[in-house]
């Protein structure tokens, strides 16, 4: 499992957090940022980002598609259509 700070961008484990254009939300287990200071969580006025076992997830029912999270995501993983 990917651990913050341990990624070497080798891409061999398959857990790297490179942007995937076919996704419309963060991956189920996005752990790139610490939840305490994750830009997506901090920018979301709808509180649509939630934690699941320490991973950041997007609750699509709460999301109003303002797209502010896309602008602040440091790894550009968030895609909302």
N, C-alpha and C. Protein backbone atom coordinates (compact mmCIF):
# COMPACT_ATOMS: atom_id res chain seq x y z
N UNK A 1 0.84 -1.18 0.00
CA UNK A 1 0.00 0.00 0.00
C UNK A 1 0.88 1.24 0.00
N UNK A 2 0.47 2.22 -0.74
CA UNK A 2 1.17 3.49 -0.83
C UNK A 2 1.16 4.19 0.52
N UNK A 3 2.29 4.71 0.93
CA UNK A 3 2.40 5.47 2.16
C UNK A 3 2.97 6.84 1.81
N UNK A 4 2.35 7.89 2.35
CA UNK A 4 2.77 9.26 2.08
C UNK A 4 4.27 9.41 2.34
N UNK A 5 4.98 9.93 1.38
CA UNK A 5 6.40 10.16 1.52
C UNK A 5 7.28 9.01 1.06
N UNK A 6 6.71 7.85 0.79
CA UNK A 6 7.50 6.69 0.38
C UNK A 6 7.53 6.48 -1.12
N UNK A 7 6.72 7.18 -1.87
CA UNK A 7 6.64 6.96 -3.32
C UNK A 7 7.90 7.47 -4.00
N UNK A 8 8.46 6.63 -4.88
CA UNK A 8 9.63 7.02 -5.66
C UNK A 8 9.28 7.22 -7.13
N UNK A 9 7.97 7.19 -7.45
CA UNK A 9 7.50 7.35 -8.82
C UNK A 9 8.01 6.27 -9.76
N UNK A 10 8.25 5.07 -9.21
CA UNK A 10 8.76 3.99 -10.05
C UNK A 10 7.67 3.38 -10.93
N UNK A 11 6.42 3.53 -10.56
CA UNK A 11 5.23 3.05 -11.27
C UNK A 11 5.11 1.53 -11.33
N UNK A 12 5.94 0.78 -10.61
CA UNK A 12 5.87 -0.68 -10.68
C UNK A 12 4.80 -1.28 -9.78
N UNK A 13 4.43 -0.61 -8.70
CA UNK A 13 3.47 -1.21 -7.77
C UNK A 13 2.02 -0.98 -8.21
N UNK A 14 1.80 -0.02 -9.08
CA UNK A 14 0.43 0.25 -9.52
C UNK A 14 -0.34 1.13 -8.57
N UNK A 15 0.24 1.49 -7.44
CA UNK A 15 -0.44 2.33 -6.46
C UNK A 15 -0.07 3.80 -6.60
N UNK A 16 0.69 4.14 -7.60
CA UNK A 16 1.07 5.54 -7.75
C UNK A 16 -0.17 6.38 -8.04
N UNK A 17 -0.07 7.62 -7.77
CA UNK A 17 -1.24 8.49 -7.88
C UNK A 17 -1.08 9.46 -9.04
N UNK A 18 -0.76 8.92 -10.20
CA UNK A 18 -0.69 9.73 -11.41
C UNK A 18 -2.11 10.03 -11.86
N UNK A 19 -2.33 11.18 -12.52
CA UNK A 19 -3.68 11.49 -12.99
C UNK A 19 -4.18 10.46 -14.00
N UNK A 20 -5.41 10.04 -13.86
CA UNK A 20 -6.05 9.13 -14.78
C UNK A 20 -7.23 9.86 -15.40
N UNK A 21 -7.18 10.21 -16.69
CA UNK A 21 -8.24 11.02 -17.31
C UNK A 21 -9.61 10.38 -17.28
N UNK A 22 -9.69 9.05 -17.14
CA UNK A 22 -11.00 8.41 -17.17
C UNK A 22 -11.72 8.46 -15.83
N UNK A 23 -11.08 8.98 -14.78
CA UNK A 23 -11.73 9.03 -13.48
C UNK A 23 -12.52 10.31 -13.32
N UNK A 24 -13.61 10.24 -12.54
CA UNK A 24 -14.39 11.44 -12.29
C UNK A 24 -14.38 11.80 -10.81
N UNK A 25 -13.47 11.22 -10.06
CA UNK A 25 -13.31 11.54 -8.65
C UNK A 25 -11.96 11.03 -8.20
N UNK A 26 -11.53 11.41 -7.00
CA UNK A 26 -10.28 10.83 -6.53
C UNK A 26 -10.43 9.32 -6.42
N UNK A 27 -9.35 8.57 -6.55
CA UNK A 27 -9.46 7.14 -6.37
C UNK A 27 -9.99 6.84 -4.97
N UNK A 28 -10.58 5.69 -4.78
CA UNK A 28 -11.19 5.35 -3.51
C UNK A 28 -10.21 5.50 -2.36
N UNK A 29 -8.95 5.21 -2.59
CA UNK A 29 -7.97 5.27 -1.52
C UNK A 29 -6.90 6.31 -1.81
N UNK A 30 -7.29 7.52 -2.13
CA UNK A 30 -6.32 8.60 -2.36
C UNK A 30 -5.71 8.97 -1.02
N UNK A 31 -4.40 8.76 -0.89
CA UNK A 31 -3.71 9.07 0.35
C UNK A 31 -2.50 9.94 0.08
N UNK A 32 -2.55 10.71 -0.99
CA UNK A 32 -1.41 11.55 -1.35
C UNK A 32 -1.19 12.65 -0.31
N UNK A 33 -2.24 13.30 0.13
CA UNK A 33 -2.14 14.40 1.09
C UNK A 33 -2.59 13.93 2.47
N UNK A 34 -2.05 14.56 3.47
CA UNK A 34 -2.52 14.31 4.82
C UNK A 34 -3.92 14.90 4.95
N UNK A 35 -4.87 14.17 5.50
CA UNK A 35 -6.23 14.70 5.63
C UNK A 35 -6.30 16.02 6.41
N UNK A 36 -5.32 16.25 7.29
CA UNK A 36 -5.31 17.48 8.07
C UNK A 36 -5.09 18.73 7.23
N UNK A 37 -4.39 18.57 6.09
CA UNK A 37 -4.13 19.74 5.26
C UNK A 37 -4.34 19.45 3.77
N UNK A 38 -5.22 18.52 3.46
CA UNK A 38 -5.51 18.21 2.05
C UNK A 38 -6.25 19.38 1.41
N UNK A 39 -5.70 19.93 0.34
CA UNK A 39 -6.33 21.09 -0.29
C UNK A 39 -7.77 20.83 -0.74
N UNK A 40 -8.07 19.62 -1.20
CA UNK A 40 -9.44 19.33 -1.64
C UNK A 40 -10.42 19.43 -0.48
N UNK A 41 -10.04 18.88 0.66
CA UNK A 41 -10.91 18.94 1.84
C UNK A 41 -11.08 20.38 2.31
N UNK A 42 -9.98 21.11 2.36
CA UNK A 42 -10.02 22.49 2.85
C UNK A 42 -10.80 23.42 1.93
N UNK A 43 -10.79 23.15 0.64
CA UNK A 43 -11.46 24.05 -0.32
C UNK A 43 -12.94 23.75 -0.51
N UNK A 44 -13.40 22.58 -0.09
CA UNK A 44 -14.77 22.16 -0.38
C UNK A 44 -15.76 22.74 0.63
N UNK A 45 -16.57 23.67 0.17
CA UNK A 45 -17.58 24.30 1.03
C UNK A 45 -18.77 23.39 1.30
N UNK A 46 -18.92 22.32 0.51
CA UNK A 46 -20.02 21.38 0.68
C UNK A 46 -19.65 20.21 1.59
N UNK A 47 -18.39 20.17 2.04
CA UNK A 47 -17.89 19.04 2.84
C UNK A 47 -18.13 17.71 2.13
N UNK A 48 -17.88 17.70 0.83
CA UNK A 48 -18.11 16.50 0.03
C UNK A 48 -16.97 15.50 0.14
N UNK A 49 -15.83 15.92 0.62
CA UNK A 49 -14.71 15.00 0.79
C UNK A 49 -14.79 14.39 2.18
N UNK A 50 -14.63 13.08 2.23
CA UNK A 50 -14.75 12.34 3.48
C UNK A 50 -13.57 11.39 3.62
N UNK A 51 -13.36 10.94 4.83
CA UNK A 51 -12.28 9.98 5.09
C UNK A 51 -12.86 8.59 5.25
N UNK A 52 -12.18 7.63 4.65
CA UNK A 52 -12.57 6.23 4.76
C UNK A 52 -11.30 5.45 5.08
N UNK A 53 -11.14 5.09 6.32
CA UNK A 53 -9.93 4.38 6.73
C UNK A 53 -8.66 5.16 6.49
N UNK A 54 -8.71 6.47 6.63
CA UNK A 54 -7.56 7.33 6.40
C UNK A 54 -7.40 7.79 4.97
N UNK A 55 -8.21 7.27 4.06
CA UNK A 55 -8.16 7.66 2.65
C UNK A 55 -9.19 8.74 2.37
N UNK A 56 -8.89 9.62 1.45
CA UNK A 56 -9.79 10.70 1.07
C UNK A 56 -10.70 10.20 -0.05
N UNK A 57 -12.00 10.38 0.13
CA UNK A 57 -12.98 9.97 -0.87
C UNK A 57 -13.92 11.13 -1.15
N UNK A 58 -14.58 11.09 -2.28
CA UNK A 58 -15.54 12.13 -2.65
C UNK A 58 -16.95 11.57 -2.58
N UNK A 59 -17.80 12.22 -1.79
CA UNK A 59 -19.21 11.85 -1.71
C UNK A 59 -19.92 12.63 -2.81
N UNK A 60 -20.23 11.94 -3.91
CA UNK A 60 -20.82 12.60 -5.08
C UNK A 60 -22.19 13.19 -4.79
N UNK A 61 -22.88 12.67 -3.78
CA UNK A 61 -24.20 13.21 -3.44
C UNK A 61 -24.10 14.59 -2.81
N UNK A 62 -22.98 14.88 -2.15
CA UNK A 62 -22.78 16.19 -1.53
C UNK A 62 -22.13 17.19 -2.50
N UNK A 63 -21.46 16.69 -3.51
CA UNK A 63 -20.70 17.54 -4.44
C UNK A 63 -21.64 18.37 -5.31
N UNK A 64 -21.39 19.70 -5.35
CA UNK A 64 -22.20 20.57 -6.21
C UNK A 64 -21.46 20.94 -7.50
N UNK A 65 -20.34 20.29 -7.74
CA UNK A 65 -19.54 20.47 -8.97
C UNK A 65 -19.06 21.90 -9.16
N UNK A 66 -18.65 22.54 -8.07
CA UNK A 66 -18.11 23.90 -8.18
C UNK A 66 -16.71 23.89 -8.79
N UNK A 67 -16.04 22.76 -8.76
CA UNK A 67 -14.73 22.52 -9.37
C UNK A 67 -13.56 23.18 -8.65
N UNK A 68 -13.77 23.77 -7.48
CA UNK A 68 -12.67 24.39 -6.75
C UNK A 68 -11.61 23.36 -6.36
N UNK A 69 -12.03 22.13 -6.06
CA UNK A 69 -11.09 21.10 -5.66
C UNK A 69 -10.11 20.75 -6.79
N UNK A 70 -10.58 20.84 -8.01
CA UNK A 70 -9.72 20.52 -9.15
C UNK A 70 -8.54 21.48 -9.22
N UNK A 71 -8.80 22.75 -8.97
CA UNK A 71 -7.75 23.76 -9.03
C UNK A 71 -6.69 23.60 -7.96
N UNK A 72 -7.06 23.03 -6.81
CA UNK A 72 -6.12 22.96 -5.70
C UNK A 72 -5.44 21.59 -5.54
N UNK A 73 -5.90 20.58 -6.26
CA UNK A 73 -5.32 19.24 -6.12
C UNK A 73 -3.87 19.23 -6.62
N UNK A 74 -2.91 18.90 -5.75
CA UNK A 74 -1.50 18.96 -6.15
C UNK A 74 -1.09 17.88 -7.15
N UNK A 75 -1.89 16.81 -7.27
CA UNK A 75 -1.53 15.75 -8.23
C UNK A 75 -2.51 15.68 -9.40
N UNK A 76 -3.42 16.63 -9.45
CA UNK A 76 -4.39 16.76 -10.56
C UNK A 76 -5.15 15.48 -10.82
N UNK A 77 -5.58 14.78 -9.75
CA UNK A 77 -6.29 13.51 -9.90
C UNK A 77 -7.80 13.70 -10.00
N UNK A 78 -8.32 14.84 -9.57
CA UNK A 78 -9.77 15.03 -9.51
C UNK A 78 -10.30 15.46 -10.88
N UNK A 79 -11.22 14.68 -11.38
CA UNK A 79 -11.89 14.99 -12.65
C UNK A 79 -13.39 14.92 -12.39
N UNK A 80 -14.08 16.02 -12.57
CA UNK A 80 -15.53 16.05 -12.35
C UNK A 80 -16.17 16.55 -13.63
N UNK A 81 -17.11 15.76 -14.14
CA UNK A 81 -17.78 16.13 -15.39
C UNK A 81 -19.17 16.61 -15.12
